[in-house]
Amino acid sequence: MNPVNIKTTWGRISLTLDYSGRVVALHLPPLRKTPRKPFSIERFQTLENLMREFPTVGIPAGTEFQQAVWSALKKIPRGQTRTYGEIAAAAGRPKAVRAVGSACGANPLPVFIPCHRVVAKNGPGGFGSGLPWKVLLLTMEGAL
């Protein structure tokens, strides 16, 4: 596995690539509050450019339920959101709302598999790397 570190004004984004150059994991630096500097990313200018540069492996290994959730996440159009309940229903387990949150938290490819597009009924919900990332990503996509 090959690591790639990308410098941003919000910290280093780390990609893990397999030997064919496909992304198998992405790590965003954890944030508790929104940094004072506006977000910018070295070399790629935007996260979309970064995503175009590196293809992914598709749906990563995980439980059958996690894979169903991640597959449903990939179907959420850019600029739109879905609730945890809607994703639970799409994954075939309409009562497994909390489990959807856990599957989102276990997602090794945030941004590529857009778990940031999943929101609570009454607010943004959570995000493994911190709410500032979720708000940034949704704002960049025009969903907020």
C-alpha atoms as a PDB file:
ATOM      1  CA  MET A   1       0.000   0.000   0.000  1.00  0.00           C
ATOM      2  CA  ASN A   2       1.225   3.448  -0.893  1.00  0.00           C
ATOM      3  CA  PRO A   3       0.402   6.536   1.208  1.00  0.00           C
ATOM      4  CA  VAL A   4      -0.171   9.951  -0.378  1.00  0.00           C
ATOM      5  CA  ASN A   5      -0.336  13.046   1.826  1.00  0.00           C
ATOM      6  CA  ILE A   6      -1.990  16.181   0.503  1.00  0.00           C
ATOM      7  CA  LYS A   7      -1.470  19.478   2.241  1.00  0.00           C
ATOM      8  CA  THR A   8      -4.525  21.673   2.891  1.00  0.00           C
ATOM      9  CA  THR A   9      -5.123  24.743   5.006  1.00  0.00           C
ATOM     10  CA  TRP A  10      -7.146  22.479   7.322  1.00  0.00           C
ATOM     11  CA  GLY A  11      -4.422  19.838   7.769  1.00  0.00           C
ATOM     12  CA  ARG A  12      -3.115  16.883   5.792  1.00  0.00           C
ATOM     13  CA  ILE A  13      -5.473  14.625   3.880  1.00  0.00           C
ATOM     14  CA  SER A  14      -4.017  11.123   3.663  1.00  0.00           C
ATOM     15  CA  LEU A  15      -4.863   8.704   0.885  1.00  0.00           C
ATOM     16  CA  THR A  16      -3.929   5.049   0.906  1.00  0.00           C
ATOM     17  CA  LEU A  17      -3.475   3.598  -2.561  1.00  0.00           C
ATOM     18  CA  ASP A  18      -3.312  -0.032  -3.548  1.00  0.00           C
ATOM     19  CA  TYR A  19      -0.515  -1.187  -5.840  1.00  0.00           C
ATOM     20  CA  SER A  20      -2.539  -0.312  -8.944  1.00  0.00           C
ATOM     21  CA  GLY A  21      -2.955   3.297  -7.748  1.00  0.00           C
ATOM     22  CA  ARG A  22      -6.598   3.075  -6.666  1.00  0.00           C
ATOM     23  CA  VAL A  23      -7.717   4.730  -3.424  1.00  0.00           C
ATOM     24  CA  VAL A  24      -8.627   2.252  -0.699  1.00  0.00           C
ATOM     25  CA  ALA A  25      -8.812   4.731   2.210  1.00  0.00           C
ATOM     26  CA  LEU A  26      -8.993   8.468   2.803  1.00  0.00           C
ATOM     27  CA  HIS A  27      -8.330  10.147   6.127  1.00  0.00           C
ATOM     28  CA  LEU A  28      -9.381  13.731   6.854  1.00  0.00           C
ATOM     29  CA  PRO A  29      -7.675  15.398   9.821  1.00  0.00           C
ATOM     30  CA  PRO A  30     -10.150  15.526  12.723  1.00  0.00           C
ATOM     31  CA  LEU A  31     -11.594  18.973  13.485  1.00  0.00           C
ATOM     32  CA  ARG A  32     -13.652  20.076  16.483  1.00  0.00           C
ATOM     33  CA  LYS A  33     -14.214  23.600  15.214  1.00  0.00           C
ATOM     34  CA  THR A  34     -14.008  25.326  11.861  1.00  0.00           C
ATOM     35  CA  PRO A  35     -10.494  26.615  11.177  1.00  0.00           C
ATOM     36  CA  ARG A  36     -10.096  30.361  10.699  1.00  0.00           C
ATOM     37  CA  LYS A  37      -8.421  29.935   7.312  1.00  0.00           C
ATOM     38  CA  PRO A  38     -10.660  29.228   4.332  1.00  0.00           C
ATOM     39  CA  PHE A  39     -10.228  25.720   2.986  1.00  0.00           C
ATOM     40  CA  SER A  40      -7.778  25.288   0.137  1.00  0.00           C
ATOM     41  CA  ILE A  41      -5.974  22.236  -1.107  1.00  0.00           C
ATOM     42  CA  GLU A  42      -2.455  22.135  -2.464  1.00  0.00           C
ATOM     43  CA  ARG A  43      -1.886  21.051  -6.064  1.00  0.00           C
ATOM     44  CA  PHE A  44      -5.490  20.035  -6.810  1.00  0.00           C
ATOM     45  CA  GLN A  45      -7.293  23.326  -6.007  1.00  0.00           C
ATOM     46  CA  THR A  46     -10.565  21.461  -5.267  1.00  0.00           C
ATOM     47  CA  LEU A  47     -11.607  18.148  -3.777  1.00  0.00           C
ATOM     48  CA  GLU A  48     -13.356  17.314  -7.058  1.00  0.00           C
ATOM     49  CA  ASN A  49     -10.014  17.565  -8.881  1.00  0.00           C
ATOM     50  CA  LEU A  50      -8.451  15.299  -6.267  1.00  0.00           C
ATOM     51  CA  MET A  51     -11.217  12.757  -6.775  1.00  0.00           C
ATOM     52  CA  ARG A  52     -10.766  12.852 -10.560  1.00  0.00           C
ATOM     53  CA  GLU A  53      -7.039  12.244 -10.167  1.00  0.00           C
ATOM     54  CA  PHE A  54      -7.425   9.093  -8.068  1.00  0.00           C
ATOM     55  CA  PRO A  55      -9.939   6.364  -8.930  1.00  0.00           C
ATOM     56  CA  THR A  56     -11.300   4.246  -6.070  1.00  0.00           C
ATOM     57  CA  VAL A  57     -11.732   0.532  -5.628  1.00  0.00           C
ATOM     58  CA  GLY A  58     -15.505   0.851  -5.601  1.00  0.00           C
ATOM     59  CA  ILE A  59     -17.297  -0.449  -2.526  1.00  0.00           C
ATOM     60  CA  PRO A  60     -14.702  -1.475   0.092  1.00  0.00           C
ATOM     61  CA  ALA A  61     -14.775  -4.629   2.174  1.00  0.00           C
ATOM     62  CA  GLY A  62     -17.204  -4.501   5.087  1.00  0.00           C
ATOM     63  CA  THR A  63     -20.228  -6.277   6.462  1.00  0.00           C
ATOM     64  CA  GLU A  64     -23.125  -6.960   4.135  1.00  0.00           C
ATOM     65  CA  PHE A  65     -25.069  -4.115   5.779  1.00  0.00           C
ATOM     66  CA  GLN A  66     -22.150  -1.668   5.536  1.00  0.00           C
ATOM     67  CA  GLN A  67     -21.763  -2.453   1.858  1.00  0.00           C
ATOM     68  CA  ALA A  68     -25.506  -1.923   1.305  1.00  0.00           C
ATOM     69  CA  VAL A  69     -25.290   1.457   3.077  1.00  0.00           C
ATOM     70  CA  TRP A  70     -22.173   2.512   1.159  1.00  0.00           C
ATOM     71  CA  SER A  71     -23.811   1.491  -2.105  1.00  0.00           C
ATOM     72  CA  ALA A  72     -26.861   3.628  -1.223  1.00  0.00           C
ATOM     73  CA  LEU A  73     -24.575   6.560  -0.366  1.00  0.00           C
ATOM     74  CA  LYS A  74     -22.965   6.464  -3.799  1.00  0.00           C
ATOM     75  CA  LYS A  75     -26.431   6.974  -5.315  1.00  0.00           C
ATOM     76  CA  ILE A  76     -27.079  10.279  -3.531  1.00  0.00           C
ATOM     77  CA  PRO A  77     -26.646  12.996  -6.178  1.00  0.00           C
ATOM     78  CA  ARG A  78     -24.174  15.797  -5.571  1.00  0.00           C
ATOM     79  CA  GLY A  79     -25.896  18.749  -3.920  1.00  0.00           C
ATOM     80  CA  GLN A  80     -28.578  16.574  -2.305  1.00  0.00           C
ATOM     81  CA  THR A  81     -28.901  14.915   1.079  1.00  0.00           C
ATOM     82  CA  ARG A  82     -30.757  11.941   2.512  1.00  0.00           C
ATOM     83  CA  THR A  83     -31.706  11.185   6.095  1.00  0.00           C
ATOM     84  CA  TYR A  84     -30.302   8.264   8.048  1.00  0.00           C
ATOM     85  CA  GLY A  85     -33.804   6.758   7.886  1.00  0.00           C
ATOM     86  CA  GLU A  86     -33.946   7.037   4.096  1.00  0.00           C
ATOM     87  CA  ILE A  87     -30.579   5.292   3.798  1.00  0.00           C
ATOM     88  CA  ALA A  88     -31.688   2.580   6.241  1.00  0.00           C
ATOM     89  CA  ALA A  89     -34.719   1.941   4.029  1.00  0.00           C
ATOM     90  CA  ALA A  90     -32.574   1.939   0.875  1.00  0.00           C
ATOM     91  CA  ALA A  91     -30.253  -0.603   2.524  1.00  0.00           C
ATOM     92  CA  GLY A  92     -33.231  -2.870   3.206  1.00  0.00           C
ATOM     93  CA  ARG A  93     -33.424  -2.327   6.978  1.00  0.00           C
ATOM     94  CA  PRO A  94     -35.740   0.640   7.607  1.00  0.00           C
ATOM     95  CA  LYS A  95     -35.416   0.450  11.410  1.00  0.00           C
ATOM     96  CA  ALA A  96     -31.607   0.368  11.411  1.00  0.00           C
ATOM     97  CA  VAL A  97     -31.176   4.149  11.556  1.00  0.00           C
ATOM     98  CA  ARG A  98     -28.408   4.074  14.185  1.00  0.00           C
ATOM     99  CA  ALA A  99     -26.635   1.303  12.328  1.00  0.00           C
ATOM    100  CA  VAL A 100     -26.546   3.567   9.259  1.00  0.00           C
ATOM    101  CA  GLY A 101     -24.691   6.117  11.387  1.00  0.00           C
ATOM    102  CA  SER A 102     -22.222   3.430  12.413  1.00  0.00           C
ATOM    103  CA  ALA A 103     -21.742   2.339   8.801  1.00  0.00           C
ATOM    104  CA  CYS A 104     -21.112   5.958   7.806  1.00  0.00           C
ATOM    105  CA  GLY A 105     -18.550   6.223  10.599  1.00  0.00           C
ATOM    106  CA  ALA A 106     -16.818   3.063   9.360  1.00  0.00           C
ATOM    107  CA  ASN A 107     -16.665   4.330   5.771  1.00  0.00           C
ATOM    108  CA  PRO A 108     -12.974   4.211   4.751  1.00  0.00           C
ATOM    109  CA  LEU A 109     -13.583   6.454   1.732  1.00  0.00           C
ATOM    110  CA  PRO A 110     -15.347   9.608   2.922  1.00  0.00           C
ATOM    111  CA  VAL A 111     -15.813  12.112   0.098  1.00  0.00           C
ATOM    112  CA  PHE A 112     -15.536   9.283  -2.489  1.00  0.00           C
ATOM    113  CA  ILE A 113     -18.432   7.445  -0.817  1.00  0.00           C
ATOM    114  CA  PRO A 114     -20.333  10.563   0.267  1.00  0.00           C
ATOM    115  CA  CYS A 115     -21.387   9.842   3.847  1.00  0.00           C
ATOM    116  CA  HIS A 116     -21.394  13.618   4.425  1.00  0.00           C
ATOM    117  CA  ARG A 117     -24.650  13.717   2.409  1.00  0.00           C
ATOM    118  CA  VAL A 118     -26.484  11.799   5.150  1.00  0.00           C
ATOM    119  CA  VAL A 119     -28.193  14.088   7.641  1.00  0.00           C
ATOM    120  CA  ALA A 120     -30.438  13.735  10.669  1.00  0.00           C
ATOM    121  CA  LYS A 121     -34.121  14.669  10.465  1.00  0.00           C
ATOM    122  CA  ASN A 122     -33.499  17.784  12.543  1.00  0.00           C
ATOM    123  CA  GLY A 123     -29.973  18.859  11.662  1.00  0.00           C
ATOM    124  CA  PRO A 124     -26.700  17.842  10.097  1.00  0.00           C
ATOM    125  CA  GLY A 125     -26.029  14.743  12.195  1.00  0.00           C
ATOM    126  CA  GLY A 126     -22.466  13.650  12.775  1.00  0.00           C
ATOM    127  CA  PHE A 127     -19.317  13.108  10.767  1.00  0.00           C
ATOM    128  CA  GLY A 128     -16.312  11.023  11.752  1.00  0.00           C
ATOM    129  CA  SER A 129     -13.721  13.709  11.060  1.00  0.00           C
ATOM    130  CA  GLY A 130     -15.787  16.449  12.649  1.00  0.00           C
ATOM    131  CA  LEU A 131     -18.768  18.582  11.756  1.00  0.00           C
ATOM    132  CA  PRO A 132     -16.637  21.332  10.106  1.00  0.00           C
ATOM    133  CA  TRP A 133     -15.753  18.885   7.326  1.00  0.00           C
ATOM    134  CA  LYS A 134     -19.383  17.891   6.796  1.00  0.00           C
ATOM    135  CA  VAL A 135     -20.500  21.521   6.626  1.00  0.00           C
ATOM    136  CA  LEU A 136     -17.635  22.360   4.228  1.00  0.00           C
ATOM    137  CA  LEU A 137     -18.408  19.433   1.913  1.00  0.00           C
ATOM    138  CA  LEU A 138     -22.146  20.115   1.842  1.00  0.00           C
ATOM    139  CA  THR A 139     -21.535  23.820   1.254  1.00  0.00           C
ATOM    140  CA  MET A 140     -19.104  23.101  -1.589  1.00  0.00           C
ATOM    141  CA  GLU A 141     -21.778  20.916  -3.208  1.00  0.00           C
ATOM    142  CA  GLY A 142     -24.523  23.496  -2.757  1.00  0.00           C
ATOM    143  CA  ALA A 143     -26.507  21.316  -0.356  1.00  0.00           C
ATOM    144  CA  LEU A 144     -26.480  23.906   2.453  1.00  0.00           C
END
